[in-house]
Amino acid sequence: MTAEEFAELGVRDDLDDFDFQRAELVRGQVEVLEPPDLLHGAIVLNLTKAFAAYLHQAPDEQGYACFEIGLIVAREPDTIRRPAVSFFVGGERFAELDHAVTQTRPALVVEIGSTNDRRRAMRDRVESYLNWGVRTVWVADTLDKAVHCIRAGQPPRIYSSAQSIPGSPVFADLKIAVKSLFEMPE
């Protein structure tokens, strides 16, 4: 299946019991991920709040986040990954919000290892982003309550719950307390 054929699945209404939002295309084959748990949702919410607060305090920073957008990371055979968060910089602001899938490369991808299938495929997922040209990948590990920061050509850095994730090439002065990402909202 091609990326374009896969994207068409998102607009069809004759596919009973098919959850397009959890589906990915991996080397031309459709794979449906397990539903994320509550902690997965809490991490996305907490990360969203941290990005919003940072961008509000740093008006010169540009960018926006998209959630679970399909990223076309490879062609022939086509692969579309759906990370929890994709942060885009440059271009028209919010241009990707209306797309089910995109070829536009985000500057930062955030993956959450919240289910067994996501954890099993994490190395492949991260490599696909880096090989495609994403500058930075963060992996939130729900078992260890740590964040792995991976940049092409550099050794991964692991930040524990007692540390903060420092700014990256994407954000000049962003610091997020790792512990705050794993807290359940009240």
N, C-alpha and C. Protein backbone atom coordinates (compact mmCIF):
# COMPACT_ATOMS: atom_id res chain seq x y z
N MET A 1 0.85 -1.18 0.00
CA MET A 1 0.00 0.00 0.00
C MET A 1 0.89 1.24 0.00
N THR A 2 0.47 2.26 -0.71
CA THR A 2 1.22 3.51 -0.74
C THR A 2 0.72 4.45 0.37
N ALA A 3 1.49 5.49 0.62
CA ALA A 3 1.09 6.49 1.61
C ALA A 3 -0.22 7.15 1.22
N GLU A 4 -0.40 7.40 -0.06
CA GLU A 4 -1.63 8.04 -0.54
C GLU A 4 -2.84 7.12 -0.34
N GLU A 5 -2.68 5.84 -0.62
CA GLU A 5 -3.77 4.88 -0.39
C GLU A 5 -4.09 4.78 1.10
N PHE A 6 -3.05 4.80 1.92
CA PHE A 6 -3.26 4.76 3.36
C PHE A 6 -4.03 5.99 3.83
N ALA A 7 -3.66 7.17 3.35
CA ALA A 7 -4.34 8.41 3.75
C ALA A 7 -5.81 8.36 3.39
N GLU A 8 -6.15 7.72 2.29
CA GLU A 8 -7.55 7.59 1.87
C GLU A 8 -8.37 6.77 2.88
N LEU A 9 -7.72 5.87 3.60
CA LEU A 9 -8.44 5.08 4.61
C LEU A 9 -9.05 5.98 5.69
N GLY A 10 -8.42 7.12 5.92
CA GLY A 10 -8.89 8.04 6.95
C GLY A 10 -10.18 8.74 6.60
N VAL A 11 -10.54 8.78 5.33
CA VAL A 11 -11.77 9.47 4.93
C VAL A 11 -12.88 8.49 4.55
N ARG A 12 -12.58 7.22 4.53
CA ARG A 12 -13.62 6.23 4.19
C ARG A 12 -14.48 5.94 5.41
N ASP A 13 -15.76 5.77 5.19
CA ASP A 13 -16.66 5.45 6.30
C ASP A 13 -17.25 4.05 6.17
N ASP A 14 -16.70 3.26 5.27
CA ASP A 14 -17.19 1.89 5.10
C ASP A 14 -16.30 0.86 5.80
N LEU A 15 -15.35 1.32 6.58
CA LEU A 15 -14.43 0.42 7.27
C LEU A 15 -14.82 0.31 8.74
N ASP A 16 -15.70 -0.61 9.06
CA ASP A 16 -16.13 -0.81 10.43
C ASP A 16 -14.96 -1.29 11.28
N ASP A 17 -14.91 -0.85 12.51
CA ASP A 17 -13.92 -1.28 13.50
C ASP A 17 -12.48 -0.98 13.09
N PHE A 18 -12.26 -0.02 12.21
CA PHE A 18 -10.90 0.38 11.84
C PHE A 18 -10.62 1.72 12.46
N ASP A 19 -9.65 1.78 13.35
CA ASP A 19 -9.29 3.02 14.04
C ASP A 19 -8.10 3.66 13.32
N PHE A 20 -8.40 4.55 12.38
CA PHE A 20 -7.37 5.18 11.56
C PHE A 20 -6.36 5.94 12.42
N GLN A 21 -6.80 6.56 13.51
CA GLN A 21 -5.92 7.35 14.36
C GLN A 21 -4.84 6.51 15.04
N ARG A 22 -5.04 5.22 15.15
CA ARG A 22 -4.03 4.35 15.76
C ARG A 22 -3.30 3.52 14.71
N ALA A 23 -3.61 3.73 13.44
CA ALA A 23 -3.00 2.92 12.38
C ALA A 23 -1.75 3.60 11.82
N GLU A 24 -0.80 2.77 11.45
CA GLU A 24 0.41 3.22 10.78
C GLU A 24 0.62 2.35 9.54
N LEU A 25 1.43 2.84 8.64
CA LEU A 25 1.82 2.07 7.47
C LEU A 25 3.30 1.76 7.63
N VAL A 26 3.64 0.48 7.71
CA VAL A 26 5.02 0.09 7.93
C VAL A 26 5.48 -0.78 6.76
N ARG A 27 6.35 -0.21 5.95
CA ARG A 27 6.87 -0.88 4.75
C ARG A 27 5.72 -1.42 3.89
N GLY A 28 4.70 -0.56 3.71
CA GLY A 28 3.58 -0.89 2.84
C GLY A 28 2.47 -1.70 3.47
N GLN A 29 2.62 -2.08 4.74
CA GLN A 29 1.61 -2.88 5.44
C GLN A 29 0.96 -2.07 6.56
N VAL A 30 -0.36 -2.15 6.68
CA VAL A 30 -1.08 -1.44 7.73
C VAL A 30 -0.89 -2.18 9.05
N GLU A 31 -0.52 -1.43 10.08
CA GLU A 31 -0.42 -1.96 11.44
C GLU A 31 -1.22 -1.05 12.36
N VAL A 32 -2.00 -1.64 13.23
CA VAL A 32 -2.79 -0.86 14.19
C VAL A 32 -2.16 -1.02 15.57
N LEU A 33 -1.84 0.11 16.19
CA LEU A 33 -1.21 0.11 17.50
C LEU A 33 -2.25 -0.11 18.60
N GLU A 34 -1.77 -0.66 19.71
CA GLU A 34 -2.63 -0.83 20.87
C GLU A 34 -3.08 0.55 21.36
N PRO A 35 -4.27 0.62 21.96
CA PRO A 35 -4.71 1.92 22.50
C PRO A 35 -3.76 2.39 23.60
N PRO A 36 -3.40 3.67 23.60
CA PRO A 36 -2.52 4.18 24.65
C PRO A 36 -3.24 4.19 26.00
N ASP A 37 -2.44 4.16 27.06
CA ASP A 37 -3.01 4.16 28.40
C ASP A 37 -3.19 5.61 28.89
N LEU A 38 -3.69 5.75 30.11
CA LEU A 38 -3.94 7.08 30.67
C LEU A 38 -2.65 7.88 30.86
N LEU A 39 -1.58 7.19 31.23
CA LEU A 39 -0.31 7.91 31.41
C LEU A 39 0.16 8.51 30.10
N HIS A 40 -0.04 7.81 29.02
CA HIS A 40 0.30 8.33 27.68
C HIS A 40 -0.40 9.68 27.47
N GLY A 41 -1.69 9.71 27.74
CA GLY A 41 -2.45 10.94 27.59
C GLY A 41 -1.98 12.05 28.52
N ALA A 42 -1.62 11.67 29.74
CA ALA A 42 -1.12 12.65 30.70
C ALA A 42 0.20 13.26 30.23
N ILE A 43 1.07 12.44 29.67
CA ILE A 43 2.35 12.94 29.17
C ILE A 43 2.11 13.93 28.03
N VAL A 44 1.22 13.60 27.12
CA VAL A 44 0.91 14.51 26.01
C VAL A 44 0.35 15.82 26.56
N LEU A 45 -0.57 15.75 27.50
CA LEU A 45 -1.15 16.95 28.09
C LEU A 45 -0.08 17.80 28.79
N ASN A 46 0.75 17.15 29.61
CA ASN A 46 1.79 17.88 30.34
C ASN A 46 2.82 18.49 29.41
N LEU A 47 3.17 17.78 28.36
CA LEU A 47 4.12 18.31 27.38
C LEU A 47 3.51 19.49 26.64
N THR A 48 2.23 19.39 26.30
CA THR A 48 1.54 20.48 25.63
C THR A 48 1.55 21.74 26.49
N LYS A 49 1.26 21.57 27.76
CA LYS A 49 1.28 22.72 28.68
C LYS A 49 2.68 23.33 28.77
N ALA A 50 3.71 22.49 28.82
CA ALA A 50 5.08 22.99 28.92
C ALA A 50 5.48 23.74 27.65
N PHE A 51 5.14 23.21 26.48
CA PHE A 51 5.43 23.90 25.22
C PHE A 51 4.70 25.24 25.16
N ALA A 52 3.42 25.24 25.53
CA ALA A 52 2.62 26.47 25.48
C ALA A 52 3.19 27.53 26.41
N ALA A 53 3.54 27.14 27.62
CA ALA A 53 4.11 28.10 28.58
C ALA A 53 5.43 28.66 28.06
N TYR A 54 6.26 27.79 27.52
CA TYR A 54 7.55 28.23 26.98
C TYR A 54 7.36 29.20 25.81
N LEU A 55 6.51 28.83 24.87
CA LEU A 55 6.31 29.68 23.70
C LEU A 55 5.67 31.02 24.07
N HIS A 56 4.85 31.01 25.11
CA HIS A 56 4.26 32.27 25.59
C HIS A 56 5.34 33.19 26.17
N GLN A 57 6.32 32.60 26.86
CA GLN A 57 7.39 33.38 27.48
C GLN A 57 8.52 33.72 26.50
N ALA A 58 8.58 33.03 25.38
CA ALA A 58 9.65 33.24 24.40
C ALA A 58 9.03 33.55 23.04
N PRO A 59 8.50 34.77 22.87
CA PRO A 59 7.76 35.10 21.65
C PRO A 59 8.59 35.03 20.38
N ASP A 60 9.91 35.06 20.49
CA ASP A 60 10.75 34.97 19.29
C ASP A 60 10.84 33.55 18.76
N GLU A 61 10.53 32.59 19.59
CA GLU A 61 10.53 31.19 19.17
C GLU A 61 9.32 30.95 18.26
N GLN A 62 9.52 30.19 17.23
CA GLN A 62 8.45 29.88 16.30
C GLN A 62 8.17 28.38 16.36
N GLY A 63 6.96 28.02 16.10
CA GLY A 63 6.64 26.60 16.00
C GLY A 63 5.28 26.27 16.57
N TYR A 64 4.89 25.03 16.32
CA TYR A 64 3.61 24.53 16.81
C TYR A 64 3.68 23.02 16.85
N ALA A 65 2.84 22.45 17.69
CA ALA A 65 2.80 21.00 17.85
C ALA A 65 1.57 20.42 17.16
N CYS A 66 1.74 19.24 16.60
CA CYS A 66 0.64 18.44 16.07
C CYS A 66 0.66 17.11 16.81
N PHE A 67 -0.50 16.54 16.99
CA PHE A 67 -0.61 15.32 17.79
C PHE A 67 -1.09 14.18 16.92
N GLU A 68 -0.32 13.10 16.94
CA GLU A 68 -0.64 11.86 16.22
C GLU A 68 -0.86 12.07 14.73
N ILE A 69 -0.15 13.03 14.16
CA ILE A 69 -0.21 13.22 12.72
C ILE A 69 0.66 12.14 12.06
N GLY A 70 0.24 11.64 10.92
CA GLY A 70 1.01 10.64 10.21
C GLY A 70 2.16 11.28 9.46
N LEU A 71 3.37 10.82 9.73
CA LEU A 71 4.57 11.34 9.08
C LEU A 71 5.05 10.33 8.05
N ILE A 72 5.13 10.74 6.80
CA ILE A 72 5.63 9.85 5.74
C ILE A 72 7.15 9.86 5.84
N VAL A 73 7.72 8.86 6.52
CA VAL A 73 9.15 8.83 6.81
C VAL A 73 9.95 8.05 5.79
N ALA A 74 9.29 7.28 4.92
CA ALA A 74 10.02 6.50 3.91
C ALA A 74 9.10 6.23 2.73
N ARG A 75 9.72 6.04 1.58
CA ARG A 75 9.00 5.72 0.35
C ARG A 75 9.57 4.44 -0.26
N GLU A 76 8.69 3.73 -0.94
CA GLU A 76 9.03 2.53 -1.72
C GLU A 76 9.85 1.51 -0.96
N PRO A 77 9.34 0.79 -0.03
CA PRO A 77 7.94 0.81 0.39
C PRO A 77 7.68 1.96 1.37
N ASP A 78 6.45 2.43 1.33
CA ASP A 78 6.08 3.59 2.14
C ASP A 78 5.90 3.22 3.60
N THR A 79 6.35 4.14 4.46
CA THR A 79 6.16 4.00 5.90
C THR A 79 5.63 5.31 6.45
N ILE A 80 4.54 5.21 7.21
CA ILE A 80 3.96 6.36 7.89
C ILE A 80 3.94 6.04 9.37
N ARG A 81 4.64 6.85 10.14
CA ARG A 81 4.64 6.72 11.61
C ARG A 81 3.74 7.80 12.19
N ARG A 82 3.17 7.50 13.35
CA ARG A 82 2.25 8.42 14.00
C ARG A 82 2.74 8.65 15.44
N PRO A 83 3.74 9.53 15.63
CA PRO A 83 4.23 9.80 16.98
C PRO A 83 3.21 10.57 17.80
N ALA A 84 3.38 10.56 19.10
CA ALA A 84 2.47 11.29 19.98
C ALA A 84 2.47 12.77 19.66
N VAL A 85 3.67 13.34 19.49
CA VAL A 85 3.80 14.78 19.23
C VAL A 85 4.83 15.01 18.14
N SER A 86 4.50 15.88 17.21
CA SER A 86 5.43 16.36 16.19
C SER A 86 5.46 17.87 16.32
N PHE A 87 6.66 18.43 16.50
CA PHE A 87 6.78 19.88 16.65
C PHE A 87 7.42 20.44 15.40
N PHE A 88 6.68 21.33 14.72
CA PHE A 88 7.12 21.91 13.46
C PHE A 88 7.61 23.33 13.68
N VAL A 89 8.68 23.70 12.98
CA VAL A 89 9.17 25.08 12.98
C VAL A 89 9.31 25.49 11.52
N GLY A 90 9.19 26.78 11.27
CA GLY A 90 9.31 27.26 9.89
C GLY A 90 8.03 27.03 9.12
N GLY A 91 7.97 27.63 7.95
CA GLY A 91 6.79 27.51 7.12
C GLY A 91 5.61 28.25 7.71
N GLU A 92 4.47 28.08 7.09
CA GLU A 92 3.25 28.74 7.57
C GLU A 92 2.82 28.12 8.89
N ARG A 93 2.56 28.96 9.86
CA ARG A 93 2.20 28.47 11.20
C ARG A 93 0.90 27.68 11.14
N PHE A 94 0.88 26.55 11.78
CA PHE A 94 -0.27 25.64 11.89
C PHE A 94 -0.67 25.02 10.55
N ALA A 95 0.23 25.03 9.58
CA ALA A 95 -0.08 24.50 8.25
C ALA A 95 -0.41 23.01 8.26
N GLU A 96 0.13 22.27 9.20
CA GLU A 96 -0.05 20.82 9.20
C GLU A 96 -1.27 20.35 10.00
N LEU A 97 -1.93 21.24 10.69
CA LEU A 97 -3.01 20.82 11.60
C LEU A 97 -4.17 20.11 10.90
N ASP A 98 -4.43 20.44 9.67
CA ASP A 98 -5.56 19.84 8.96
C ASP A 98 -5.21 18.59 8.17
N HIS A 99 -3.98 18.16 8.25
CA HIS A 99 -3.55 16.99 7.47
C HIS A 99 -3.60 15.71 8.30
N ALA A 100 -4.04 14.63 7.66
CA ALA A 100 -3.99 13.32 8.30
C ALA A 100 -2.59 12.74 8.23
N VAL A 101 -1.92 13.00 7.10
CA VAL A 101 -0.52 12.60 6.91
C VAL A 101 0.22 13.74 6.24
N THR A 102 1.54 13.77 6.42
CA THR A 102 2.33 14.85 5.84
C THR A 102 3.72 14.37 5.48
N GLN A 103 4.31 15.04 4.50
CA GLN A 103 5.70 14.84 4.16
C GLN A 103 6.58 15.93 4.76
N THR A 104 5.96 16.91 5.42
CA THR A 104 6.72 17.98 6.06
C THR A 104 7.41 17.41 7.29
N ARG A 105 8.69 17.70 7.40
CA ARG A 105 9.52 17.13 8.45
C ARG A 105 9.47 18.01 9.71
N PRO A 106 9.05 17.46 10.84
CA PRO A 106 9.10 18.24 12.09
C PRO A 106 10.54 18.36 12.59
N ALA A 107 10.79 19.33 13.43
CA ALA A 107 12.10 19.50 14.03
C ALA A 107 12.28 18.57 15.23
N LEU A 108 11.17 18.26 15.89
CA LEU A 108 11.19 17.42 17.09
C LEU A 108 10.04 16.44 17.01
N VAL A 109 10.33 15.18 17.33
CA VAL A 109 9.30 14.15 17.45
C VAL A 109 9.36 13.62 18.87
N VAL A 110 8.19 13.44 19.47
CA VAL A 110 8.10 12.85 20.81
C VAL A 110 7.34 11.54 20.70
N GLU A 111 7.98 10.47 21.09
CA GLU A 111 7.37 9.14 21.16
C GLU A 111 7.16 8.80 22.63
N ILE A 112 6.14 8.00 22.89
CA ILE A 112 5.85 7.56 24.25
C ILE A 112 5.78 6.04 24.24
N GLY A 113 6.66 5.43 25.02
CA GLY A 113 6.69 3.96 25.12
C GLY A 113 5.66 3.48 26.12
N SER A 114 4.39 3.65 25.78
CA SER A 114 3.32 3.37 26.73
C SER A 114 2.67 2.01 26.56
N THR A 115 2.90 1.36 25.43
CA THR A 115 2.30 0.04 25.20
C THR A 115 3.39 -0.91 24.72
N ASN A 116 3.12 -2.19 24.82
CA ASN A 116 4.13 -3.19 24.43
C ASN A 116 4.53 -3.05 22.96
N ASP A 117 3.55 -2.84 22.07
CA ASP A 117 3.91 -2.74 20.65
C ASP A 117 4.74 -1.50 20.36
N ARG A 118 4.47 -0.42 21.05
CA ARG A 118 5.27 0.79 20.85
C ARG A 118 6.69 0.57 21.36
N ARG A 119 6.83 -0.07 22.52
CA ARG A 119 8.17 -0.32 23.07
C ARG A 119 8.96 -1.28 22.19
N ARG A 120 8.31 -2.34 21.69
CA ARG A 120 9.01 -3.31 20.83
C ARG A 120 9.56 -2.67 19.57
N ALA A 121 8.83 -1.76 18.99
CA ALA A 121 9.23 -1.15 17.72
C ALA A 121 9.96 0.18 17.89
N MET A 122 10.29 0.56 19.12
CA MET A 122 10.83 1.90 19.36
C MET A 122 12.13 2.17 18.62
N ARG A 123 13.05 1.22 18.62
CA ARG A 123 14.32 1.45 17.92
C ARG A 123 14.06 1.73 16.44
N ASP A 124 13.22 0.94 15.81
CA ASP A 124 12.89 1.13 14.40
C ASP A 124 12.20 2.47 14.19
N ARG A 125 11.32 2.84 15.10
CA ARG A 125 10.60 4.10 15.00
C ARG A 125 11.59 5.28 15.04
N VAL A 126 12.46 5.27 16.05
CA VAL A 126 13.43 6.35 16.22
C VAL A 126 14.37 6.43 15.02
N GLU A 127 14.87 5.28 14.57
CA GLU A 127 15.77 5.28 13.41
C GLU A 127 15.08 5.82 12.16
N SER A 128 13.78 5.51 12.01
CA SER A 128 13.07 6.01 10.82
C SER A 128 12.99 7.53 10.85
N TYR A 129 12.77 8.12 12.01
CA TYR A 129 12.71 9.59 12.10
C TYR A 129 14.08 10.20 11.81
N LEU A 130 15.12 9.66 12.43
CA LEU A 130 16.46 10.22 12.24
C LEU A 130 16.93 10.06 10.79
N ASN A 131 16.68 8.89 10.21
CA ASN A 131 17.07 8.67 8.81
C ASN A 131 16.32 9.60 7.86
N TRP A 132 15.12 10.00 8.23
CA TRP A 132 14.30 10.89 7.43
C TRP A 132 14.77 12.34 7.56
N GLY A 133 15.51 12.63 8.64
CA GLY A 133 16.05 13.98 8.81
C GLY A 133 15.50 14.76 9.98
N VAL A 134 14.71 14.11 10.85
CA VAL A 134 14.26 14.79 12.07
C VAL A 134 15.50 15.04 12.94
N ARG A 135 15.64 16.25 13.45
CA ARG A 135 16.83 16.62 14.21
C ARG A 135 16.89 16.00 15.60
N THR A 136 15.73 15.94 16.27
CA THR A 136 15.71 15.50 17.66
C THR A 136 14.50 14.62 17.90
N VAL A 137 14.71 13.53 18.63
CA VAL A 137 13.62 12.63 19.03
C VAL A 137 13.69 12.47 20.54
N TRP A 138 12.56 12.67 21.19
CA TRP A 138 12.44 12.39 22.63
C TRP A 138 11.57 11.15 22.78
N VAL A 139 12.01 10.24 23.62
CA VAL A 139 11.22 9.05 23.92
C VAL A 139 10.92 9.05 25.41
N ALA A 140 9.65 9.19 25.75
CA ALA A 140 9.23 9.13 27.15
C ALA A 140 9.01 7.67 27.50
N ASP A 141 9.80 7.17 28.44
CA ASP A 141 9.73 5.77 28.88
C ASP A 141 8.83 5.70 30.10
N THR A 142 7.65 5.15 29.94
CA THR A 142 6.68 5.12 31.03
C THR A 142 7.03 4.12 32.11
N LEU A 143 7.89 3.15 31.81
CA LEU A 143 8.30 2.19 32.82
C LEU A 143 9.35 2.78 33.76
N ASP A 144 10.36 3.44 33.18
CA ASP A 144 11.45 4.02 33.97
C ASP A 144 11.18 5.46 34.39
N LYS A 145 10.11 6.05 33.87
CA LYS A 145 9.80 7.47 34.12
C LYS A 145 11.01 8.34 33.77
N ALA A 146 11.53 8.10 32.58
CA ALA A 146 12.69 8.83 32.09
C ALA A 146 12.42 9.27 30.65
N VAL A 147 13.20 10.23 30.17
CA VAL A 147 13.10 10.68 28.79
C VAL A 147 14.45 10.49 28.13
N HIS A 148 14.43 9.79 27.01
CA HIS A 148 15.63 9.56 26.20
C HIS A 148 15.63 10.63 25.11
N CYS A 149 16.71 11.39 25.02
CA CYS A 149 16.85 12.42 23.99
C CYS A 149 17.86 11.92 22.98
N ILE A 150 17.42 11.81 21.74
CA ILE A 150 18.26 11.24 20.69
C ILE A 150 18.42 12.26 19.58
N ARG A 151 19.68 12.51 19.21
CA ARG A 151 19.99 13.40 18.09
C ARG A 151 20.92 12.66 17.15
N ALA A 152 20.72 12.86 15.89
CA ALA A 152 21.54 12.19 14.88
C ALA A 152 23.02 12.47 15.11
N GLY A 153 23.82 11.42 15.06
CA GLY A 153 25.25 11.55 15.18
C GLY A 153 25.78 11.78 16.59
N GLN A 154 24.89 11.71 17.59
CA GLN A 154 25.32 11.91 18.97
C GLN A 154 24.83 10.76 19.82
N PRO A 155 25.53 10.47 20.92
CA PRO A 155 25.03 9.42 21.80
C PRO A 155 23.73 9.87 22.47
N PRO A 156 22.80 8.94 22.70
CA PRO A 156 21.55 9.32 23.38
C PRO A 156 21.84 9.79 24.81
N ARG A 157 21.00 10.69 25.28
CA ARG A 157 21.07 11.16 26.67
C ARG A 157 19.79 10.72 27.35
N ILE A 158 19.90 10.24 28.57
CA ILE A 158 18.74 9.81 29.33
C ILE A 158 18.59 10.74 30.53
N TYR A 159 17.38 11.30 30.67
CA TYR A 159 17.09 12.21 31.77
C TYR A 159 16.10 11.53 32.70
N SER A 160 16.50 11.39 33.96
CA SER A 160 15.67 10.72 34.96
C SER A 160 14.66 11.69 35.54
N SER A 161 13.79 11.17 36.40
CA SER A 161 12.74 12.01 36.99
C SER A 161 13.29 13.11 37.89
N ALA A 162 14.54 13.01 38.30
CA ALA A 162 15.15 14.05 39.13
C ALA A 162 15.81 15.15 38.29
N GLN A 163 15.76 15.01 36.97
CA GLN A 163 16.43 15.96 36.08
C GLN A 163 15.42 16.72 35.22
N SER A 164 15.95 17.67 34.47
CA SER A 164 15.15 18.41 33.50
C SER A 164 15.71 18.18 32.12
N ILE A 165 14.82 18.16 31.13
CA ILE A 165 15.25 18.07 29.74
C ILE A 165 15.70 19.47 29.34
N PRO A 166 16.95 19.62 28.91
CA PRO A 166 17.41 20.96 28.52
C PRO A 166 16.92 21.31 27.12
N GLY A 167 17.09 22.57 26.79
CA GLY A 167 16.75 23.00 25.44
C GLY A 167 17.52 22.18 24.42
N SER A 168 17.03 22.13 23.26
CA SER A 168 17.65 21.36 22.20
C SER A 168 17.87 22.29 21.03
N PRO A 169 18.29 21.79 19.89
CA PRO A 169 18.38 22.68 18.74
C PRO A 169 17.03 23.30 18.37
N VAL A 170 15.95 22.70 18.83
CA VAL A 170 14.63 23.21 18.52
C VAL A 170 14.27 24.40 19.41
N PHE A 171 14.60 24.30 20.69
CA PHE A 171 14.24 25.33 21.67
C PHE A 171 15.51 25.85 22.34
N ALA A 172 15.70 27.15 22.33
CA ALA A 172 16.92 27.72 22.89
C ALA A 172 17.01 27.53 24.40
N ASP A 173 15.97 27.87 25.13
CA ASP A 173 16.05 27.90 26.59
C ASP A 173 15.01 27.03 27.30
N LEU A 174 14.40 26.14 26.59
CA LEU A 174 13.38 25.28 27.20
C LEU A 174 13.99 24.34 28.21
N LYS A 175 13.35 24.22 29.35
CA LYS A 175 13.71 23.22 30.35
C LYS A 175 12.41 22.65 30.89
N ILE A 176 12.29 21.33 30.83
CA ILE A 176 11.09 20.66 31.33
C ILE A 176 11.52 19.66 32.39
N ALA A 177 10.96 19.76 33.58
CA ALA A 177 11.23 18.79 34.62
C ALA A 177 10.63 17.45 34.20
N VAL A 178 11.46 16.43 34.10
CA VAL A 178 11.00 15.12 33.65
C VAL A 178 9.88 14.62 34.55
N LYS A 179 10.02 14.80 35.83
CA LYS A 179 9.00 14.34 36.78
C LYS A 179 7.63 14.91 36.43
N SER A 180 7.59 16.17 35.99
CA SER A 180 6.30 16.82 35.69
C SER A 180 5.59 16.17 34.50
N LEU A 181 6.34 15.56 33.60
CA LEU A 181 5.72 14.92 32.44
C LEU A 181 4.90 13.69 32.84
N PHE A 182 5.31 13.01 33.88
CA PHE A 182 4.68 11.75 34.27
C PHE A 182 3.62 11.91 35.36
N GLU A 183 3.30 13.14 35.72
CA GLU A 183 2.27 13.38 36.74
C GLU A 183 0.89 13.31 36.13
N MET A 184 -0.03 12.66 36.82
CA MET A 184 -1.40 12.60 36.36
C MET A 184 -2.09 13.91 36.72
N PRO A 185 -2.82 14.51 35.77
CA PRO A 185 -3.51 15.77 36.06
C PRO A 185 -4.60 15.57 37.12
N GLU A 186 -4.85 16.64 37.84
CA GLU A 186 -5.88 16.56 38.88
C GLU A 186 -7.25 16.84 38.30
